[in-house]
């Protein structure tokens, strides 16, 4: 019994031991599994750290690159800071006319070309006009050479897309003109070294290169919008009347500011062509002409100012012709024997005008012409100015000069005299620079009373039934003026038709000259002549230059009226009254 009990106890003990054994074996296995799991987690942490480090490195690189300027093209000689070598030129409203920008020359470094045949093939496909054989020869020589100078942005991008390390782009500064040929006769050009060679660019070359003024553009008196409208109308006039050339000038009569100066034909100054043909000269400032009957205005003004006549004074017994030295002076049209002084200008009689000039006398007339400076070179901020032909006041000069024959001047000077006569008699000087003022209030050409009388007569030249400038009678602008039809002083086979107008005539603000060289009769053109549709049969200024001046004033008038409150008030008042 006791022995059995002992066996049971031993078995239990043994079982306990067995249980304990198995239990101990389980714990050992579990420890081994835990060790393996710890090793796997360490690897994960290591990989995580590696990926995190890579992400951090790339992030730092991206931030670094984004904070630095990267050159798109493969040249290394770009300037870091662009400093303009010349100041901007702007119009009176601040609109850009001229500016320096970066351009490029495309050059080749032969040693950097890996596959010459492939390179030449790509060039030929993309730029078929390039001389491939010459390029091939130069590449073989192994020396640095220019593929093409002064390339456009489109050409630059096409070359860059070829992906050739042998192509480099040399930057340089060049002048661009935003309006091409619109201001060609005023702005002028610069050479490839940025030195002015003509026009405003040359006259103000030193000032335009002054670094202390680089932030301040050179402001002109010109108005881009008005220049465009006048240029457009004048170009159309050349087509309508088959004229060889023409010009127009708009001037402020109070201060001499030139708002527009157009000479046709013109040229694109961005092309930097060496223009030498005579037809491309600045006809307004450099062209020398006999301007014809517009000089009759000067004769009448001088006679009024010296109290020799009044507008209503009658010139009696006017002959059909007058013998003067070896020449005979007559009128193209037949006029009455007796004419009022104002009718002499309105109807434009040569013979009656010379009779008035004889009353004035050569001494006073010569003194007046000298005072106007019509025989001097124009004083303007351009070097392209003409020199009127010298002449002596010999026999018959008084008579011929009185109606504009035998005397030459520039359209600019003639318009300036008209402006001085119209503004109350104050002499002015033409001006192209906005900040400058050459108005000489104390120097008079004629008395204020004379100016008022003359303006009334010039208005009648447009409104009178017998006037020569009826086609310029634009509603609301009170246009006055005088026509001139003459021959070219240097070529008698060429004609010149001119009209100088002032408006509004009751208190003039602007003077406008329009001239056409060798115009022809516009056979297919119908004119609105005082409400009647008619065709022209004569080739005179009244049928072409006057017609174009009327169209110009109709286009630019609203712009000028908006900028002049007083002018606008008169315009509105007239509309209300009607």
Protein backbone atom coordinates (compact mmCIF):
# COMPACT_ATOMS: atom_id res chain seq x y z
CA UNK A 1 0.00 0.00 0.00
CA UNK A 2 2.75 2.19 0.99
CA UNK A 3 4.74 1.05 -2.01
CA UNK A 4 1.87 1.81 -4.35
CA UNK A 5 1.52 5.20 -2.83
CA UNK A 6 5.18 5.83 -3.36
CA UNK A 7 4.90 4.83 -7.04
CA UNK A 8 2.03 7.18 -7.57
CA UNK A 9 3.93 9.94 -5.90
CA UNK A 10 6.91 9.24 -8.10
CA UNK A 11 4.78 9.19 -11.21
CA UNK A 12 3.22 12.46 -10.26
CA UNK A 13 6.60 13.84 -9.57
CA UNK A 14 7.81 12.45 -12.80
CA UNK A 15 4.82 13.92 -14.59
CA UNK A 16 5.50 17.14 -12.97
CA UNK A 17 9.02 16.93 -14.21
CA UNK A 18 7.79 16.05 -17.64
CA UNK A 19 5.48 18.93 -17.65
CA UNK A 20 8.26 21.12 -16.51
CA UNK A 21 10.54 19.80 -19.25
CA UNK A 22 8.10 20.45 -21.98
CA UNK A 23 7.43 23.84 -20.56
CA UNK A 24 11.11 24.67 -20.52
CA UNK A 25 11.47 23.51 -24.12
CA UNK A 26 8.65 25.84 -25.23
CA UNK A 27 10.27 28.83 -23.61
CA UNK A 28 13.53 28.18 -25.47
CA UNK A 29 11.77 27.98 -28.83
CA UNK A 30 9.93 31.19 -28.16
CA UNK A 31 13.14 33.04 -27.36
CA UNK A 32 14.64 31.98 -30.65
CA UNK A 33 11.59 33.35 -32.55
CA UNK A 34 11.81 36.66 -30.75
CA UNK A 35 15.45 37.00 -31.70
CA UNK A 36 14.62 36.41 -35.38
CA UNK A 37 11.83 39.04 -35.31
CA UNK A 38 14.17 41.60 -33.73
CA UNK A 39 16.65 41.08 -36.55
CA UNK A 40 13.97 41.68 -39.21
CA UNK A 41 12.85 44.91 -37.55
CA UNK A 42 16.45 46.18 -37.49
CA UNK A 43 16.67 45.66 -41.24
CA UNK A 44 13.43 47.56 -41.76
CA UNK A 45 14.69 50.45 -39.67
CA UNK A 46 17.94 50.48 -41.66
CA UNK A 47 16.14 50.55 -45.00
CA UNK A 48 13.79 53.23 -43.74
CA UNK A 49 16.76 55.32 -42.69
CA UNK A 50 18.41 54.85 -46.07
CA UNK A 51 15.27 55.88 -47.98
CA UNK A 52 14.75 58.84 -45.69
CA UNK A 53 18.35 59.94 -46.26
CA UNK A 54 17.94 59.69 -50.05
CA UNK A 55 14.71 61.71 -49.94
CA UNK A 56 16.39 64.31 -47.79
CA UNK A 57 19.38 64.55 -50.16
CA UNK A 58 17.14 64.93 -53.22
CA UNK A 59 14.99 67.52 -51.47
CA UNK A 60 18.03 69.58 -50.55
CA UNK A 61 19.26 69.34 -54.17
CA UNK A 62 15.90 70.40 -55.57
CA UNK A 63 15.71 73.37 -53.21
CA UNK A 64 19.27 74.32 -54.13
CA UNK A 65 18.53 74.19 -57.84
CA UNK A 66 15.30 76.13 -57.50
CA UNK A 67 17.11 78.94 -55.70
CA UNK A 68 19.66 79.32 -58.52
CA UNK A 69 19.05 80.68 -62.03
CA UNK A 70 19.47 78.04 -64.67
CA UNK A 71 20.44 79.11 -68.17
CA UNK A 72 18.15 77.59 -70.75
CA UNK A 73 20.68 77.78 -73.55
CA UNK A 74 24.10 76.23 -73.59
CA UNK A 75 26.21 79.36 -73.75
CA UNK A 76 28.28 80.34 -70.74
CA UNK A 77 29.00 83.92 -71.68
CA UNK A 78 25.62 85.49 -70.83
CA UNK A 79 25.87 88.73 -68.85
CA UNK A 80 24.39 88.29 -65.37
CA UNK A 81 22.99 91.81 -65.27
CA UNK A 82 21.48 93.52 -68.32
CA UNK A 83 22.32 97.22 -68.44
CA UNK A 84 20.94 99.15 -71.39
CA UNK A 85 23.58 101.00 -73.38
CA UNK A 86 21.03 103.56 -74.56
CA UNK A 87 17.97 105.13 -72.98
CA UNK A 88 14.46 104.43 -74.18
CA UNK A 89 12.69 106.85 -76.50
CA UNK A 90 8.96 107.34 -75.90
CA UNK A 91 6.21 109.49 -77.38
CA UNK A 92 4.39 112.31 -75.57
CA UNK A 93 2.09 109.79 -73.85
CA UNK A 94 4.90 107.47 -72.73
CA UNK A 95 4.35 104.88 -75.49
CA UNK A 96 7.60 103.07 -76.28
CA UNK A 97 9.25 103.92 -79.60
CA UNK A 98 12.84 102.70 -79.19
CA UNK A 99 14.63 100.39 -76.73
CA UNK A 100 17.81 98.32 -76.36
CA UNK A 101 17.36 94.55 -75.90
CA UNK A 102 19.58 91.45 -76.02
CA UNK A 103 20.14 89.84 -79.40
CA UNK A 104 22.38 86.91 -80.32
CA UNK A 105 24.95 85.76 -82.87
CA UNK A 106 25.05 81.99 -83.50
CA UNK A 107 28.62 80.67 -83.60
CA UNK A 108 30.25 77.25 -84.05
CA UNK A 109 33.01 75.60 -82.00
CA UNK A 110 34.11 72.77 -84.38
CA UNK A 111 35.90 70.67 -81.74
CA UNK A 112 32.62 70.27 -79.80
CA UNK A 113 30.79 68.69 -82.74
CA UNK A 114 30.81 64.90 -82.32
CA UNK A 115 29.17 63.88 -85.60
CA UNK A 116 29.81 66.41 -88.34
CA UNK A 117 27.70 64.69 -91.01
CA UNK A 118 24.73 64.38 -88.71
CA UNK A 119 25.11 68.02 -87.64
CA UNK A 120 25.24 69.28 -91.24
CA UNK A 121 22.20 67.20 -92.15
CA UNK A 122 20.16 68.69 -89.30
CA UNK A 123 21.25 72.19 -90.30
CA UNK A 124 20.23 71.62 -93.91
CA UNK A 125 16.82 70.28 -92.93
CA UNK A 126 16.04 73.09 -90.50
CA UNK A 127 17.80 75.97 -92.29
CA UNK A 128 17.77 75.21 -96.04
CA UNK A 129 19.06 78.68 -96.94
CA UNK A 130 22.34 78.28 -95.05
CA UNK A 131 25.47 77.67 -97.21
CA UNK A 132 26.13 74.10 -96.04
CA UNK A 133 29.26 73.61 -98.17
CA UNK A 134 30.93 76.70 -96.70
CA UNK A 135 29.94 75.63 -93.18
CA UNK A 136 31.40 72.18 -93.81
CA UNK A 137 34.66 73.72 -94.95
CA UNK A 138 34.89 75.99 -91.91
CA UNK A 139 34.18 73.12 -89.54
CA UNK A 140 37.01 71.18 -91.18
CA UNK A 141 39.36 74.10 -90.55
CA UNK A 142 38.62 73.72 -86.85
CA UNK A 143 38.42 77.42 -86.07
CA UNK A 144 35.65 79.28 -84.22
CA UNK A 145 33.31 80.96 -86.71
CA UNK A 146 29.86 82.60 -86.91
CA UNK A 147 27.08 80.47 -88.29
CA UNK A 148 24.72 83.44 -88.52
CA UNK A 149 24.77 86.93 -87.04
CA UNK A 150 21.84 88.72 -85.47
CA UNK A 151 19.48 85.78 -85.31
CA UNK A 152 15.82 86.04 -84.39
CA UNK A 153 14.33 84.42 -81.30
CA UNK A 154 12.66 81.77 -83.48
CA UNK A 155 15.97 80.93 -85.17
CA UNK A 156 17.70 80.77 -81.80
CA UNK A 157 15.17 78.28 -80.44
CA UNK A 158 15.42 76.11 -83.56
CA UNK A 159 19.20 76.00 -83.29
CA UNK A 160 19.05 75.18 -79.60
CA UNK A 161 16.64 72.30 -80.23
CA UNK A 162 19.26 70.66 -82.46
CA UNK A 163 20.97 69.66 -79.20
CA UNK A 164 24.48 70.36 -80.47
CA UNK A 165 27.15 71.41 -77.99
CA UNK A 166 29.11 72.94 -80.84
CA UNK A 167 26.58 75.78 -81.21
CA UNK A 168 27.02 78.77 -78.92
CA UNK A 169 25.06 82.00 -78.73
CA UNK A 170 26.92 85.28 -78.31
CA UNK A 171 24.72 87.95 -76.70
CA UNK A 172 24.90 91.58 -77.76
CA UNK A 173 22.71 94.65 -77.35
CA UNK A 174 20.76 96.03 -80.24
CA UNK A 175 18.17 98.75 -80.77
CA UNK A 176 14.63 97.83 -81.70
CA UNK A 177 11.95 100.17 -82.97
CA UNK A 178 8.45 99.14 -81.96
CA UNK A 179 6.72 100.74 -84.93
CA UNK A 180 9.08 99.80 -87.77
CA UNK A 181 8.72 102.48 -90.43
CA UNK A 182 6.18 104.76 -88.68
CA UNK A 183 8.82 107.15 -87.28
CA UNK A 184 11.66 106.34 -89.66
CA UNK A 185 12.34 109.93 -90.73
CA UNK A 186 12.37 111.27 -87.17
CA UNK A 187 13.88 108.60 -84.92
CA UNK A 188 16.68 107.58 -87.27
CA UNK A 189 18.96 104.61 -86.60
CA UNK A 190 21.98 103.39 -84.65
CA UNK A 191 24.88 101.31 -85.97
CA UNK A 192 25.91 97.87 -84.67
CA UNK A 193 28.04 99.53 -82.00
CA UNK A 194 25.02 101.44 -80.64
CA UNK A 195 26.09 104.85 -81.94
CA UNK A 196 23.40 107.06 -83.47
CA UNK A 197 23.85 107.58 -87.20
CA UNK A 198 20.70 109.55 -88.11
CA UNK A 199 17.62 111.32 -86.77
CA UNK A 200 16.96 111.77 -83.06
CA UNK A 201 19.31 108.86 -82.35
CA UNK A 202 22.22 110.84 -83.77
CA UNK A 203 21.25 114.32 -82.58
CA UNK A 204 20.89 113.15 -78.97
CA UNK A 205 23.50 110.38 -79.11
CA UNK A 206 25.44 111.66 -76.07
CA UNK A 207 22.31 112.18 -73.96
CA UNK A 208 20.88 108.78 -74.91
CA UNK A 209 24.10 107.06 -73.75
CA UNK A 210 24.31 109.03 -70.49
CA UNK A 211 24.23 106.39 -67.71
CA UNK A 212 23.09 108.93 -65.14
CA UNK A 213 19.85 109.36 -67.12
CA UNK A 214 19.24 105.71 -68.02
CA UNK A 215 16.10 105.48 -65.86
CA UNK A 216 14.55 108.50 -67.60
CA UNK A 217 13.41 107.96 -71.20
CA UNK A 218 13.76 110.67 -73.83
CA UNK A 219 10.21 111.92 -74.32
CA UNK A 220 9.23 113.32 -77.72
CA UNK A 221 6.37 115.64 -78.65
CA UNK A 222 5.11 113.10 -81.20
CA UNK A 223 1.84 111.26 -80.67
CA UNK A 224 1.91 107.64 -81.88
CA UNK A 225 -1.85 107.38 -82.44
CA UNK A 226 -2.00 110.59 -84.48
CA UNK A 227 1.15 109.62 -86.40
CA UNK A 228 -0.45 106.30 -87.32
CA UNK A 229 -3.69 107.89 -88.54
CA UNK A 230 -1.93 110.52 -90.65
CA UNK A 231 0.50 107.98 -92.08
CA UNK A 232 -2.40 105.71 -93.04
CA UNK A 233 -4.36 108.48 -94.78
CA UNK A 234 -1.28 109.75 -96.60
CA UNK A 235 -0.37 106.26 -97.84
CA UNK A 236 -3.89 105.88 -99.18
CA UNK A 237 -3.53 109.27 -100.89
CA UNK A 238 -0.46 108.06 -102.79
CA UNK A 239 -2.56 105.19 -104.14
CA UNK A 240 -5.66 107.27 -104.89
CA UNK A 241 -3.79 110.01 -106.74
CA UNK A 242 -0.90 107.90 -108.01
CA UNK A 243 1.58 110.31 -106.38
CA UNK A 244 5.32 109.58 -106.20
CA UNK A 245 5.66 110.83 -102.66
CA UNK A 246 4.15 113.00 -99.97
CA UNK A 247 4.42 114.47 -96.53
CA UNK A 248 2.40 115.77 -93.61
CA UNK A 249 3.20 117.85 -90.54
CA UNK A 250 1.01 118.61 -87.51
CA UNK A 251 2.21 121.38 -85.20
CA UNK A 252 0.90 123.06 -82.06
CA UNK A 253 0.75 126.75 -83.04
CA UNK A 254 1.24 127.95 -79.46
CA UNK A 255 4.54 126.26 -78.59
CA UNK A 256 5.85 124.70 -81.81
CA UNK A 257 5.50 121.11 -80.59
CA UNK A 258 5.37 118.67 -83.49
CA UNK A 259 2.71 116.04 -82.90
CA UNK A 260 3.25 114.24 -86.19
CA UNK A 261 5.81 114.26 -88.99
CA UNK A 262 5.27 111.90 -91.91
CA UNK A 263 7.36 111.63 -95.06
CA UNK A 264 6.61 109.07 -97.77
CA UNK A 265 7.95 106.75 -98.93
CA UNK A 266 9.44 105.63 -95.62
CA UNK A 267 11.45 102.55 -94.61
CA UNK A 268 11.75 100.00 -91.80
CA UNK A 269 14.51 101.23 -89.49
CA UNK A 270 14.77 97.80 -87.83
CA UNK A 271 16.41 96.48 -91.01
CA UNK A 272 19.29 98.96 -90.68
CA UNK A 273 19.52 99.40 -94.42
CA UNK A 274 21.77 102.07 -95.88
CA UNK A 275 19.08 104.22 -97.51
CA UNK A 276 20.60 106.48 -100.18
CA UNK A 277 17.84 106.93 -102.75
CA UNK A 278 16.63 110.51 -102.97
CA UNK A 279 12.98 109.52 -102.70
CA UNK A 280 13.58 108.45 -99.09
CA UNK A 281 14.73 111.86 -97.81
CA UNK A 282 12.77 113.58 -95.07
CA UNK A 283 10.58 115.73 -97.32
CA UNK A 284 9.33 117.87 -94.44
CA UNK A 285 12.70 118.99 -93.03
CA UNK A 286 15.18 118.34 -95.84
CA UNK A 287 13.09 118.69 -98.99
CA UNK A 288 13.52 122.06 -100.74
CA UNK A 289 10.50 123.23 -102.72
CA UNK A 290 8.77 126.14 -104.38
CA UNK A 291 5.54 126.02 -102.42
CA UNK A 292 3.58 128.33 -104.69
CA UNK A 293 0.44 130.16 -103.62
CA UNK A 294 0.79 129.53 -99.90
CA UNK A 295 3.21 132.51 -100.04
CA UNK A 296 0.26 134.74 -100.91
CA UNK A 297 -0.75 134.45 -97.27
CA UNK A 298 2.56 136.07 -96.26
CA UNK A 299 2.01 138.91 -98.71
CA UNK A 300 -1.50 139.65 -97.47
CA UNK A 301 -0.39 139.40 -93.82
CA UNK A 302 2.43 141.89 -94.37
CA UNK A 303 0.13 144.34 -96.17
CA UNK A 304 -2.44 144.13 -93.35
CA UNK A 305 0.24 144.54 -90.67
CA UNK A 306 1.61 147.67 -92.30
CA UNK A 307 -1.90 149.16 -92.63
CA UNK A 308 -1.51 149.31 -96.38
CA UNK A 309 -4.81 147.53 -96.95
CA UNK A 310 -7.76 146.09 -95.05
CA UNK A 311 -9.57 142.83 -95.87
CA UNK A 312 -12.35 144.81 -97.58
CA UNK A 313 -10.03 147.11 -99.52
CA UNK A 314 -10.69 146.80 -103.25
CA UNK A 315 -7.78 146.26 -105.62
CA UNK A 316 -8.93 147.97 -108.78
CA UNK A 317 -8.18 147.50 -112.45
CA UNK A 318 -6.40 144.19 -112.16
CA UNK A 319 -4.92 143.36 -115.59
CA UNK A 320 -5.05 139.91 -117.15
CA UNK A 321 -1.26 139.74 -117.14
CA UNK A 322 1.77 141.77 -116.10
CA UNK A 323 5.07 142.06 -117.92
CA UNK A 324 7.99 141.65 -115.54
CA UNK A 325 11.43 141.82 -117.09
CA UNK A 326 11.42 139.17 -119.80
CA UNK A 327 8.57 137.25 -118.20
CA UNK A 328 4.83 137.60 -118.32
CA UNK A 329 2.87 136.88 -115.16
CA UNK A 330 -0.79 135.92 -115.44
CA UNK A 331 -3.54 133.95 -113.72
CA UNK A 332 -4.63 130.47 -114.73
CA UNK A 333 -8.27 131.42 -114.19
CA UNK A 334 -10.08 134.55 -115.23
CA UNK A 335 -10.93 136.89 -112.33
CA UNK A 336 -12.95 140.13 -112.11
CA UNK A 337 -11.02 143.37 -112.67
CA UNK A 338 -11.78 144.49 -109.14
CA UNK A 339 -11.21 142.24 -106.12
CA UNK A 340 -11.34 142.74 -102.37
CA UNK A 341 -8.06 141.97 -100.62
CA UNK A 342 -9.62 138.96 -98.91
CA UNK A 343 -10.90 137.73 -102.28
CA UNK A 344 -7.38 137.93 -103.67
CA UNK A 345 -6.40 135.23 -101.16
CA UNK A 346 -9.70 133.34 -101.30
CA UNK A 347 -9.64 133.05 -105.09
CA UNK A 348 -5.81 132.99 -105.32
CA UNK A 349 -4.93 135.64 -107.91
CA UNK A 350 -1.26 135.94 -108.87
CA UNK A 351 -1.58 139.32 -110.54
CA UNK A 352 -3.58 140.95 -107.73
CA UNK A 353 -1.10 139.59 -105.16
CA UNK A 354 1.92 141.09 -106.90
CA UNK A 355 0.09 144.43 -107.10
CA UNK A 356 -0.29 144.33 -103.30
CA UNK A 357 3.40 143.39 -102.97
CA UNK A 358 4.34 146.44 -105.03
CA UNK A 359 2.42 148.59 -102.56
CA UNK A 360 4.44 147.03 -99.72
CA UNK A 361 7.79 147.60 -101.42
CA UNK A 362 10.90 145.45 -101.74
CA UNK A 363 12.61 146.72 -98.58
CA UNK A 364 9.75 145.82 -96.22
CA UNK A 365 9.09 142.56 -97.99
CA UNK A 366 12.73 141.50 -97.81
CA UNK A 367 12.89 142.39 -94.12
CA UNK A 368 9.78 140.30 -93.46
CA UNK A 369 11.18 137.27 -95.32
CA UNK A 370 14.45 137.56 -93.39
CA UNK A 371 12.55 137.69 -90.09
CA UNK A 372 10.61 134.52 -90.90
CA UNK A 373 13.90 132.65 -91.56
CA UNK A 374 12.29 130.98 -94.55
CA UNK A 375 15.62 131.17 -96.39
CA UNK A 376 17.63 129.60 -93.54
CA UNK A 377 18.10 125.94 -92.70
CA UNK A 378 15.42 124.78 -90.23
CA UNK A 379 16.34 124.91 -86.56
CA UNK A 380 15.16 121.51 -85.33
CA UNK A 381 16.60 118.59 -83.31
CA UNK A 382 17.56 116.73 -86.50
CA UNK A 383 20.61 116.90 -88.73
CA UNK A 384 18.54 115.99 -91.79
CA UNK A 385 17.55 119.55 -92.69
CA UNK A 386 17.66 121.32 -96.02
CA UNK A 387 19.26 124.59 -97.11
CA UNK A 388 16.98 126.80 -99.24
CA UNK A 389 18.56 128.07 -102.42
CA UNK A 390 20.12 131.52 -102.15
CA UNK A 391 18.83 134.22 -104.41
CA UNK A 392 19.28 137.94 -104.89
CA UNK A 393 16.52 140.50 -104.67
CA UNK A 394 17.05 141.60 -108.23
CA UNK A 395 14.52 142.85 -110.72
CA UNK A 396 11.15 141.05 -110.59
CA UNK A 397 11.95 139.08 -107.41
CA UNK A 398 9.45 141.06 -105.34
CA UNK A 399 6.66 140.27 -107.77
CA UNK A 400 7.42 136.54 -108.14
CA UNK A 401 8.12 135.92 -104.46
CA UNK A 402 4.77 137.50 -103.55
CA UNK A 403 2.93 134.46 -104.97
CA UNK A 404 5.59 131.86 -104.19
CA UNK A 405 7.53 131.60 -107.43
CA UNK A 406 11.34 131.72 -107.57
CA UNK A 407 11.81 131.19 -103.83
CA UNK A 408 12.45 127.89 -102.06
CA UNK A 409 12.07 126.71 -98.49
CA UNK A 410 11.21 123.57 -96.53
CA UNK A 411 7.65 122.54 -95.64
CA UNK A 412 8.66 122.69 -91.97
CA UNK A 413 9.61 126.38 -92.17
CA UNK A 414 6.51 127.33 -94.13
CA UNK A 415 4.25 125.60 -91.59
CA UNK A 416 6.09 127.30 -88.72
CA UNK A 417 5.43 130.72 -90.28
CA UNK A 418 1.74 129.85 -90.69
CA UNK A 419 1.61 128.81 -87.04
CA UNK A 420 3.21 132.11 -85.98
CA UNK A 421 0.78 134.13 -88.08
CA UNK A 422 -2.21 132.20 -86.71
CA UNK A 423 -1.40 132.15 -82.97
CA UNK A 424 -1.73 135.91 -82.50
CA UNK A 425 1.51 136.83 -84.23
CA UNK A 426 4.03 135.30 -81.79
CA UNK A 427 7.08 133.72 -83.40
CA UNK A 428 7.64 130.11 -82.43
CA UNK A 429 10.31 127.52 -83.06
CA UNK A 430 9.52 123.92 -84.04
CA UNK A 431 10.29 121.38 -81.34
CA UNK A 432 10.48 117.57 -81.06
CA UNK A 433 11.40 117.21 -77.37
CA UNK A 434 8.61 117.36 -74.81
CA UNK A 435 10.48 119.06 -71.94
CA UNK A 436 11.93 121.83 -74.07
CA UNK A 437 10.10 125.03 -74.95
CA UNK A 438 11.30 127.49 -77.57
CA UNK A 439 8.29 129.77 -77.52
CA UNK A 440 9.44 133.38 -77.74
CA UNK A 441 6.47 135.37 -76.48
CA UNK A 442 8.22 138.74 -76.80
CA UNK A 443 9.19 138.31 -80.47
CA UNK A 444 6.36 139.09 -82.84
CA UNK A 445 5.98 138.42 -86.51
CA UNK A 446 2.77 140.44 -86.90
CA UNK A 447 0.35 142.22 -84.57
CA UNK A 448 -2.41 140.28 -82.84
CA UNK A 449 -5.05 142.24 -84.77
CA UNK A 450 -3.39 141.26 -88.05
CA UNK A 451 -3.46 137.63 -86.96
CA UNK A 452 -7.19 137.76 -86.27
CA UNK A 453 -7.95 139.37 -89.65
CA UNK A 454 -5.82 136.82 -91.46
CA UNK A 455 -7.45 133.86 -89.69
CA UNK A 456 -10.88 135.08 -90.79
CA UNK A 457 -9.71 135.24 -94.40
CA UNK A 458 -8.13 131.77 -94.23
CA UNK A 459 -11.42 130.43 -92.93
CA UNK A 460 -13.20 131.92 -95.95
CA UNK A 461 -10.76 130.16 -98.29
CA UNK A 462 -12.47 126.98 -97.04
CA UNK A 463 -16.08 128.19 -96.65
CA UNK A 464 -16.50 130.72 -99.48
CA UNK A 465 -18.18 129.56 -102.66
CA UNK A 466 -15.16 130.74 -104.68
CA UNK A 467 -12.60 129.39 -102.21
CA UNK A 468 -9.95 126.89 -103.26
CA UNK A 469 -10.15 124.61 -100.18
CA UNK A 470 -13.83 123.70 -99.83
CA UNK A 471 -13.11 119.98 -99.43
CA UNK A 472 -11.45 120.68 -96.07
CA UNK A 473 -14.60 122.10 -94.49
CA UNK A 474 -15.02 119.41 -91.85
CA UNK A 475 -18.00 119.96 -89.59
CA UNK A 476 -17.06 121.15 -86.10
CA UNK A 477 -13.38 122.00 -86.64
CA UNK A 478 -13.53 125.48 -88.27
CA UNK A 479 -10.73 124.72 -90.71
CA UNK A 480 -8.97 127.56 -92.49
CA UNK A 481 -5.97 127.46 -94.82
CA UNK A 482 -4.37 128.12 -98.18
CA UNK A 483 -3.56 125.95 -101.16
CA UNK A 484 -0.43 125.93 -103.28
CA UNK A 485 0.07 124.28 -106.68
CA UNK A 486 3.55 124.54 -108.13
CA UNK A 487 6.27 122.86 -110.15
CA UNK A 488 9.26 121.09 -108.69
CA UNK A 489 12.07 123.66 -108.60
CA UNK A 490 14.61 121.05 -109.78
CA UNK A 491 12.40 119.18 -112.23
CA UNK A 492 9.74 121.12 -114.11
CA UNK A 493 8.06 117.87 -115.14
CA UNK A 494 7.09 117.19 -111.53
CA UNK A 495 4.37 119.06 -109.67
CA UNK A 496 3.82 119.74 -105.99
CA UNK A 497 0.39 120.26 -104.48
CA UNK A 498 0.29 121.68 -100.95
CA UNK A 499 -2.29 122.74 -98.40
CA UNK A 500 -1.48 124.35 -95.05
CA UNK A 501 -4.44 124.53 -92.71
CA UNK A 502 -5.13 125.94 -89.26
CA UNK A 503 -7.91 124.85 -86.89
CA UNK A 504 -10.08 125.90 -85.18
CA UNK A 505 -9.68 129.17 -87.08
CA UNK A 506 -11.43 131.38 -84.49
CA UNK A 507 -8.72 130.46 -81.96
CA UNK A 508 -6.11 128.30 -83.71
CA UNK A 509 -4.48 125.41 -81.86
CA UNK A 510 -2.95 123.41 -84.68
CA UNK A 511 -1.39 123.86 -88.11
CA UNK A 512 -1.48 120.95 -90.56
CA UNK A 513 0.50 120.71 -93.79
CA UNK A 514 -0.30 118.10 -96.43
CA UNK A 515 1.73 117.84 -99.64
CA UNK A 516 1.71 115.43 -102.57
CA UNK A 517 4.43 115.04 -105.20
CA UNK A 518 3.27 114.67 -108.79
CA UNK A 519 -0.32 113.61 -108.02
CA UNK A 520 -2.64 112.66 -110.87
CA UNK A 521 -6.35 113.26 -111.35
CA UNK A 522 -8.34 110.57 -109.51
CA UNK A 523 -10.77 109.73 -112.31
CA UNK A 524 -12.76 107.18 -110.31
CA UNK A 525 -13.06 109.27 -107.15
CA UNK A 526 -16.36 110.98 -106.30
CA UNK A 527 -16.10 114.06 -104.07
CA UNK A 528 -18.78 115.28 -101.72
CA UNK A 529 -18.59 118.91 -102.83
CA UNK A 530 -21.05 120.94 -100.75
CA UNK A 531 -23.53 118.07 -100.70
CA UNK A 532 -23.15 117.22 -104.40
CA UNK A 533 -21.29 114.15 -105.70
CA UNK A 534 -18.86 115.24 -108.41
CA UNK A 535 -15.67 114.08 -110.12
CA UNK A 536 -12.49 116.14 -110.35
CA UNK A 537 -11.33 117.38 -113.73
CA UNK A 538 -8.31 119.41 -112.57
CA UNK A 539 -5.05 118.38 -110.95
CA UNK A 540 -4.79 121.13 -108.33
CA UNK A 541 -4.15 121.14 -104.58
CA UNK A 542 -7.81 121.87 -103.93
CA UNK A 543 -8.72 118.48 -105.42
CA UNK A 544 -6.13 116.27 -103.72
CA UNK A 545 -4.07 117.77 -100.86
CA UNK A 546 -7.13 119.59 -99.48
CA UNK A 547 -9.24 116.46 -99.77
CA UNK A 548 -6.66 114.41 -97.83
CA UNK A 549 -6.24 117.14 -95.20
CA UNK A 550 -10.00 117.04 -94.61
CA UNK A 551 -9.90 113.27 -94.12
CA UNK A 552 -6.98 113.58 -91.70
CA UNK A 553 -8.64 116.30 -89.61
CA UNK A 554 -11.82 114.23 -89.42
CA UNK A 555 -9.79 111.30 -88.01
CA UNK A 556 -7.48 113.13 -85.61
CA UNK A 557 -9.89 115.89 -84.59
CA UNK A 558 -11.66 113.88 -81.86
CA UNK A 559 -8.30 112.92 -80.30
CA UNK A 560 -7.14 116.55 -80.25
CA UNK A 561 -10.51 117.77 -78.98
CA UNK A 562 -10.44 115.34 -76.04
CA UNK A 563 -7.01 116.61 -75.05
CA UNK A 564 -8.02 120.26 -75.34
CA UNK A 565 -10.95 121.28 -73.12
CA UNK A 566 -11.33 124.62 -74.86
CA UNK A 567 -11.33 123.00 -78.28
CA UNK A 568 -13.87 120.44 -77.08
CA UNK A 569 -16.13 123.15 -75.64
CA UNK A 570 -16.32 124.90 -79.01
CA UNK A 571 -17.07 121.61 -80.75
CA UNK A 572 -19.88 120.69 -78.32
CA UNK A 573 -21.35 124.22 -78.49
CA UNK A 574 -21.55 124.05 -82.26
CA UNK A 575 -23.31 120.69 -82.12
CA UNK A 576 -25.86 122.03 -79.64
CA UNK A 577 -26.53 125.12 -81.74
CA UNK A 578 -27.20 122.95 -84.76
